[in-house]
Amino acid sequence: MRSRLLAYGHRRRSWREAQKPAERSIRLLTSSAIPAWHLVSMWLAGFRAWFAGGAGIVSGVLLVLLLQAVL
């Protein structure tokens, strides 16, 4: 047992123990605990900044083209 202890008394986790949190989250997502529309909305919320940045760049380019055509 002493060989399995690391510095400061922490026990080394096995590969199987390290996989448990991921298995729990996968199990949570696949057991219909969270509705599919909620998962999609969370995924899209992660890309909200990218959508806003892209919209800003596109609107800026269109504004420059419009100003060049007018002036």
Protein backbone atom coordinates (compact mmCIF):
# COMPACT_ATOMS: atom_id res chain seq x y z
CA MET A 1 0.00 0.00 0.00
CA ARG A 2 2.84 2.36 0.77
CA SER A 3 4.15 2.08 -2.81
CA ARG A 4 0.83 3.43 -4.13
CA LEU A 5 1.13 6.67 -2.17
CA LEU A 6 2.58 9.74 -3.80
CA ALA A 7 4.06 12.84 -2.22
CA TYR A 8 1.88 14.56 0.39
CA GLY A 9 -0.10 11.37 0.90
CA HIS A 10 -2.13 11.47 -2.30
CA ARG A 11 -3.06 8.11 -3.74
CA ARG A 12 -2.34 7.52 -7.40
CA ARG A 13 -5.55 7.12 -9.41
CA SER A 14 -5.82 4.19 -11.75
CA TRP A 15 -6.78 4.62 -15.39
CA ARG A 16 -10.25 3.31 -14.58
CA GLU A 17 -10.75 5.78 -11.75
CA ALA A 18 -9.66 8.64 -13.99
CA GLN A 19 -12.36 7.71 -16.51
CA LYS A 20 -15.23 7.81 -14.04
CA PRO A 21 -16.05 11.56 -14.25
CA ALA A 22 -16.21 11.40 -18.04
CA GLU A 23 -18.37 8.31 -17.89
CA ARG A 24 -20.73 10.08 -15.52
CA SER A 25 -21.09 13.09 -17.81
CA ILE A 26 -21.63 10.88 -20.87
CA ARG A 27 -24.18 8.88 -18.93
CA LEU A 28 -25.92 12.11 -17.91
CA LEU A 29 -26.06 13.39 -21.48
CA THR A 30 -27.26 10.13 -22.97
CA SER A 31 -29.84 9.25 -20.33
CA SER A 32 -32.18 12.06 -21.45
CA ALA A 33 -31.58 13.91 -18.20
CA ILE A 34 -30.98 17.04 -20.30
CA PRO A 35 -33.33 17.66 -23.25
CA ALA A 36 -31.77 17.69 -26.71
CA TRP A 37 -32.88 21.28 -27.41
CA HIS A 38 -31.09 22.40 -24.24
CA LEU A 39 -27.86 20.69 -25.33
CA VAL A 40 -28.09 22.38 -28.74
CA SER A 41 -28.71 25.78 -27.15
CA MET A 42 -25.71 25.33 -24.83
CA TRP A 43 -23.55 24.36 -27.80
CA LEU A 44 -24.68 27.42 -29.78
CA ALA A 45 -24.10 29.70 -26.77
CA GLY A 46 -20.45 28.69 -26.89
CA PHE A 47 -20.23 30.06 -30.41
CA ARG A 48 -22.09 33.31 -29.65
CA ALA A 49 -18.88 35.36 -29.64
CA TRP A 50 -17.85 33.88 -33.00
CA PHE A 51 -21.24 34.71 -34.51
CA ALA A 52 -21.07 38.27 -33.18
CA GLY A 53 -17.53 38.73 -34.49
CA GLY A 54 -18.45 37.40 -37.92
CA ALA A 55 -21.51 39.63 -38.09
CA GLY A 56 -19.38 42.63 -37.15
CA ILE A 57 -16.81 41.90 -39.83
CA VAL A 58 -19.46 41.34 -42.52
CA SER A 59 -21.34 44.52 -41.60
CA GLY A 60 -18.08 46.48 -41.56
CA VAL A 61 -17.12 45.26 -45.03
CA LEU A 62 -20.59 46.07 -46.37
CA LEU A 63 -20.44 49.55 -44.85
CA VAL A 64 -17.02 50.22 -46.42
CA LEU A 65 -18.27 49.03 -49.83
CA LEU A 66 -21.36 51.23 -49.50
CA LEU A 67 -19.27 54.27 -48.56
CA GLN A 68 -16.91 53.66 -51.48
CA ALA A 69 -19.86 53.48 -53.86
CA VAL A 70 -21.41 56.70 -52.50
CA LEU A 71 -18.22 58.74 -52.25
